[in-house]
């Protein structure tokens, strides 16, 4: 990689605390560096089925800001093509003629404990009636709702961010009860099995709206559910009353996070 000119920004220890974790943490097997210096680690992930080289480029563009074009390289200096080949475990190095800035923007964590106040009954009932199955696995509701959970796509705990971004301007179905707030529109909801709900809240599983709504997994804890690399059902997506159609434009960074 010596022939690939680049200027890299120094990464402080506070960045390590917020995301660029030491090798081996969270069972990651892909590690991203801003140079061929293995001390300059800025991020990584656990590779699951369905994650491609192109997906890695997209992830890097979420948490890095570039002043010029960039490329990812293998340790031997070979360019990683931005293609649909499966991402392989290993080390990857950023190369650019410009500067690299690691964003200080932190993700909105989907923490159940942060849910303010009571959940909206009308939201729950509308999502249940519409989906009637876990949208990740396709498992149908058998007799009752005991093992299913109506889940917010944009976390309910961050209603302030929702309002600040004026996300309600994309809604076509307001909540049944206006006082519940627009964040409780059923278009901001999906029905999940309880296990899938927990994994979604923990950011162990996500949906990539920029890759045909592919299901992406970030933890080995998802392996028993065989979710990785699947796509949301087309019938689900084509119904205007279902998944928010603007997810790719506004929520991509929250639906698809490292």
Protein backbone atom coordinates (compact mmCIF):
# COMPACT_ATOMS: atom_id res chain seq x y z
CA UNK A 1 0.00 0.00 0.00
CA UNK A 2 2.97 2.32 -0.01
CA UNK A 3 2.00 3.49 -3.50
CA UNK A 4 -1.40 4.71 -2.28
CA UNK A 5 -1.04 8.27 -0.95
CA UNK A 6 -3.20 9.12 2.01
CA UNK A 7 -3.56 11.57 4.84
CA UNK A 8 -4.99 10.12 8.01
CA UNK A 9 -6.49 11.91 10.96
CA UNK A 10 -5.18 10.96 14.42
CA UNK A 11 -7.67 9.00 16.47
CA UNK A 12 -7.81 9.92 20.14
CA UNK A 13 -8.50 7.54 22.99
CA UNK A 14 -11.98 9.00 23.39
CA UNK A 15 -12.83 7.63 19.95
CA UNK A 16 -11.76 4.20 21.10
CA UNK A 17 -14.21 4.52 23.96
CA UNK A 18 -17.05 5.40 21.59
CA UNK A 19 -16.64 2.86 18.85
CA UNK A 20 -13.13 1.99 17.70
CA UNK A 21 -12.75 -0.92 20.05
CA UNK A 22 -9.67 -3.03 20.69
CA UNK A 23 -9.14 -6.15 18.59
CA UNK A 24 -11.24 -9.03 19.86
CA UNK A 25 -13.92 -6.93 21.54
CA UNK A 26 -17.54 -7.82 20.73
CA UNK A 27 -16.19 -10.83 18.79
CA UNK A 28 -15.32 -8.69 15.79
CA UNK A 29 -13.40 -10.32 12.96
CA UNK A 30 -13.11 -7.34 10.59
CA UNK A 31 -10.89 -4.44 11.65
CA UNK A 32 -10.64 -1.07 9.91
CA UNK A 33 -7.59 1.19 10.10
CA UNK A 34 -6.81 4.63 8.71
CA UNK A 35 -3.33 3.53 7.63
CA UNK A 36 -1.19 0.41 7.53
CA UNK A 37 -0.35 1.08 11.18
CA UNK A 38 -2.25 -1.53 13.20
CA UNK A 39 -2.34 0.86 16.18
CA UNK A 40 -4.69 3.19 14.29
CA UNK A 41 -7.89 1.13 14.66
CA UNK A 42 -11.12 3.07 14.08
CA UNK A 43 -13.81 0.40 13.82
CA UNK A 44 -14.84 -3.09 12.95
CA UNK A 45 -17.59 -5.65 12.91
CA UNK A 46 -18.45 -9.31 13.05
CA UNK A 47 -19.00 -10.63 9.53
CA UNK A 48 -22.29 -12.41 9.01
CA UNK A 49 -23.75 -14.00 5.92
CA UNK A 50 -24.87 -11.45 3.34
CA UNK A 51 -22.43 -8.66 4.21
CA UNK A 52 -20.55 -7.67 1.05
CA UNK A 53 -17.54 -5.55 0.16
CA UNK A 54 -19.94 -2.83 -1.02
CA UNK A 55 -21.69 -2.93 2.36
CA UNK A 56 -18.37 -2.31 4.11
CA UNK A 57 -17.77 0.77 1.96
CA UNK A 58 -21.23 2.04 2.91
CA UNK A 59 -20.54 1.47 6.60
CA UNK A 60 -17.26 3.37 6.43
CA UNK A 61 -19.07 6.30 4.79
CA UNK A 62 -21.41 6.44 7.78
CA UNK A 63 -18.76 7.02 10.43
CA UNK A 64 -15.96 8.62 8.37
CA UNK A 65 -15.96 11.93 6.49
CA UNK A 66 -13.61 12.14 3.49
CA UNK A 67 -12.38 15.25 1.67
CA UNK A 68 -11.53 13.15 -1.40
CA UNK A 69 -12.29 9.75 -2.84
CA UNK A 70 -11.09 6.77 -0.82
CA UNK A 71 -10.47 3.09 -1.17
CA UNK A 72 -10.22 0.11 1.12
CA UNK A 73 -7.14 -2.08 0.82
CA UNK A 74 -6.08 -5.50 2.01
CA UNK A 75 -2.84 -5.75 4.06
CA UNK A 76 -0.95 -6.64 0.87
CA UNK A 77 -2.01 -3.34 -0.71
CA UNK A 78 -4.55 -4.78 -3.14
CA UNK A 79 -7.67 -2.67 -3.60
CA UNK A 80 -10.92 -4.06 -2.22
CA UNK A 81 -13.43 -3.68 -5.04
CA UNK A 82 -16.77 -2.10 -4.17
CA UNK A 83 -18.73 -5.13 -5.32
CA UNK A 84 -21.15 -7.81 -4.15
CA UNK A 85 -18.49 -10.34 -3.21
CA UNK A 86 -18.84 -11.60 0.36
CA UNK A 87 -16.80 -9.63 2.89
CA UNK A 88 -13.99 -11.71 4.34
CA UNK A 89 -12.68 -11.52 7.92
CA UNK A 90 -9.40 -9.65 8.30
CA UNK A 91 -7.75 -6.24 8.35
CA UNK A 92 -8.75 -3.40 6.02
CA UNK A 93 -6.94 -0.10 5.49
CA UNK A 94 -8.32 3.22 4.27
CA UNK A 95 -6.38 5.02 1.54
CA UNK A 96 -7.10 8.53 0.23
CA UNK A 97 -5.36 11.58 -1.18
CA UNK A 98 -7.36 13.75 1.19
CA UNK A 99 -8.19 13.79 4.87
CA UNK A 100 -10.22 11.41 6.98
CA UNK A 101 -12.31 12.62 9.89
CA UNK A 102 -14.03 10.14 12.17
CA UNK A 103 -17.44 11.56 13.01
CA UNK A 104 -18.17 12.44 16.63
CA UNK A 105 -21.86 11.70 16.04
CA UNK A 106 -22.94 8.83 18.28
CA UNK A 107 -25.70 6.38 17.33
CA UNK A 108 -29.13 6.50 18.94
CA UNK A 109 -29.02 3.34 21.01
CA UNK A 110 -32.22 1.32 21.11
CA UNK A 111 -32.28 0.91 24.87
CA UNK A 112 -35.53 -0.47 26.28
CA UNK A 113 -34.79 1.22 29.61
CA UNK A 114 -34.92 4.62 27.93
CA UNK A 115 -38.57 4.32 26.88
CA UNK A 116 -40.30 7.38 28.40
CA UNK A 117 -43.84 7.03 29.72
CA UNK A 118 -46.33 4.40 28.65
CA UNK A 119 -46.36 2.79 25.22
CA UNK A 120 -49.22 3.60 22.85
CA UNK A 121 -51.96 0.97 22.81
CA UNK A 122 -53.21 2.22 19.44
CA UNK A 123 -49.70 1.82 17.98
CA UNK A 124 -49.44 -1.72 19.32
CA UNK A 125 -52.88 -2.75 18.05
CA UNK A 126 -52.39 -1.23 14.58
CA UNK A 127 -49.00 -2.89 14.04
CA UNK A 128 -50.33 -6.23 15.26
CA UNK A 129 -53.37 -6.15 13.00
CA UNK A 130 -51.35 -5.09 9.96
CA UNK A 131 -48.39 -7.47 10.16
CA UNK A 132 -49.69 -10.57 11.98
CA UNK A 133 -46.25 -12.15 11.76
CA UNK A 134 -42.62 -11.45 12.66
CA UNK A 135 -41.42 -9.46 9.67
CA UNK A 136 -37.85 -10.80 10.04
CA UNK A 137 -38.57 -14.53 10.26
CA UNK A 138 -42.04 -14.72 8.70
CA UNK A 139 -43.35 -16.63 11.74
CA UNK A 140 -47.11 -16.12 11.90
CA UNK A 141 -49.07 -15.32 15.04
CA UNK A 142 -50.54 -18.69 16.11
CA UNK A 143 -53.20 -17.99 18.75
CA UNK A 144 -52.32 -14.87 20.70
CA UNK A 145 -49.69 -12.13 20.90
CA UNK A 146 -47.72 -13.52 23.86
CA UNK A 147 -44.49 -14.09 21.92
CA UNK A 148 -44.68 -10.99 19.69
CA UNK A 149 -43.85 -7.33 20.21
CA UNK A 150 -44.85 -4.22 18.23
CA UNK A 151 -41.50 -2.46 17.82
CA UNK A 152 -40.67 1.14 16.88
CA UNK A 153 -38.27 1.55 13.95
CA UNK A 154 -37.18 5.01 15.07
CA UNK A 155 -36.73 4.50 18.84
CA UNK A 156 -39.54 5.87 20.97
CA UNK A 157 -36.97 7.06 23.50
CA UNK A 158 -35.75 9.62 20.96
CA UNK A 159 -39.05 11.29 20.18
CA UNK A 160 -37.31 14.65 20.51
CA UNK A 161 -34.98 13.78 17.63
CA UNK A 162 -37.97 12.59 15.61
CA UNK A 163 -39.74 15.92 16.10
CA UNK A 164 -36.57 17.93 15.43
CA UNK A 165 -36.08 16.14 12.10
CA UNK A 166 -39.77 16.70 11.25
CA UNK A 167 -40.09 13.05 10.33
CA UNK A 168 -43.88 13.25 10.44
CA UNK A 169 -43.87 15.01 7.06
CA UNK A 170 -43.36 11.62 5.37
CA UNK A 171 -46.23 9.89 7.15
CA UNK A 172 -49.44 9.03 5.35
CA UNK A 173 -51.02 7.31 8.36
CA UNK A 174 -51.12 9.35 11.58
CA UNK A 175 -51.56 7.52 14.89
CA UNK A 176 -55.14 6.66 15.80
CA UNK A 177 -54.81 8.82 18.90
CA UNK A 178 -53.33 12.22 18.01
CA UNK A 179 -52.08 12.84 21.54
CA UNK A 180 -49.79 9.80 21.23
CA UNK A 181 -47.51 11.81 18.92
CA UNK A 182 -46.63 11.10 15.30
CA UNK A 183 -43.77 8.79 16.30
CA UNK A 184 -46.50 6.29 17.21
CA UNK A 185 -47.76 6.07 13.64
CA UNK A 186 -47.99 2.38 12.66
CA UNK A 187 -45.72 3.28 9.73
CA UNK A 188 -42.94 3.65 12.30
CA UNK A 189 -43.56 0.13 13.55
CA UNK A 190 -42.86 -3.50 12.76
CA UNK A 191 -44.03 -6.66 14.46
CA UNK A 192 -41.24 -8.88 15.76
CA UNK A 193 -41.03 -12.07 17.75
CA UNK A 194 -39.84 -11.44 21.31
CA UNK A 195 -36.36 -12.80 20.63
CA UNK A 196 -36.06 -10.77 17.43
CA UNK A 197 -37.34 -7.70 19.28
CA UNK A 198 -34.55 -8.05 21.85
CA UNK A 199 -31.93 -8.52 19.13
CA UNK A 200 -33.24 -5.48 17.22
CA UNK A 201 -33.17 -3.31 20.33
CA UNK A 202 -29.63 -4.46 21.07
CA UNK A 203 -28.50 -3.53 17.51
CA UNK A 204 -27.56 -7.17 16.97
CA UNK A 205 -29.82 -7.30 13.93
CA UNK A 206 -30.79 -4.50 11.60
CA UNK A 207 -32.32 -3.68 8.23
CA UNK A 208 -30.36 -2.03 5.43
CA UNK A 209 -32.86 0.11 3.45
CA UNK A 210 -30.14 1.04 0.94
CA UNK A 211 -29.57 -2.61 -0.05
CA UNK A 212 -33.09 -3.74 -0.94
CA UNK A 213 -34.04 -3.98 2.76
CA UNK A 214 -31.56 -6.71 3.51
CA UNK A 215 -31.44 -8.12 7.03
CA UNK A 216 -27.97 -7.57 8.48
CA UNK A 217 -26.66 -9.25 11.63
CA UNK A 218 -23.85 -7.93 13.81
CA UNK A 219 -23.61 -10.58 16.53
CA UNK A 220 -23.17 -14.36 16.71
CA UNK A 221 -26.21 -14.30 19.03
CA UNK A 222 -28.34 -14.09 15.88
CA UNK A 223 -27.05 -17.33 14.37
CA UNK A 224 -29.80 -19.63 15.73
CA UNK A 225 -32.44 -17.50 13.98
CA UNK A 226 -30.90 -17.72 10.48
CA UNK A 227 -31.71 -14.09 9.70
CA UNK A 228 -28.49 -12.89 8.08
CA UNK A 229 -28.62 -12.14 4.38
CA UNK A 230 -32.39 -12.47 4.05
CA UNK A 231 -34.59 -9.72 2.64
CA UNK A 232 -37.87 -8.33 3.86
CA UNK A 233 -40.88 -9.76 2.08
CA UNK A 234 -41.79 -7.77 -1.05
CA UNK A 235 -45.49 -7.88 -0.23
CA UNK A 236 -44.69 -6.28 3.09
CA UNK A 237 -42.70 -3.51 1.43
CA UNK A 238 -45.20 -2.75 -1.32
CA UNK A 239 -48.07 -2.06 1.07
CA UNK A 240 -48.15 1.72 1.64
CA UNK A 241 -49.46 1.16 5.15
CA UNK A 242 -46.42 -0.83 6.19
CA UNK A 243 -42.73 -0.01 6.46
CA UNK A 244 -41.82 3.67 6.18
CA UNK A 245 -40.87 4.32 2.58
CA UNK A 246 -38.46 7.11 3.52
CA UNK A 247 -36.32 4.80 5.64
CA UNK A 248 -33.48 4.86 3.12
CA UNK A 249 -33.31 8.64 3.01
CA UNK A 250 -33.52 9.49 6.69
CA UNK A 251 -33.06 6.40 8.83
CA UNK A 252 -30.33 4.58 6.94
CA UNK A 253 -27.73 5.41 9.57
CA UNK A 254 -29.94 4.18 12.38
CA UNK A 255 -31.29 1.07 10.66
CA UNK A 256 -27.86 0.08 9.42
CA UNK A 257 -25.28 0.63 12.11
CA UNK A 258 -22.02 -0.90 13.21
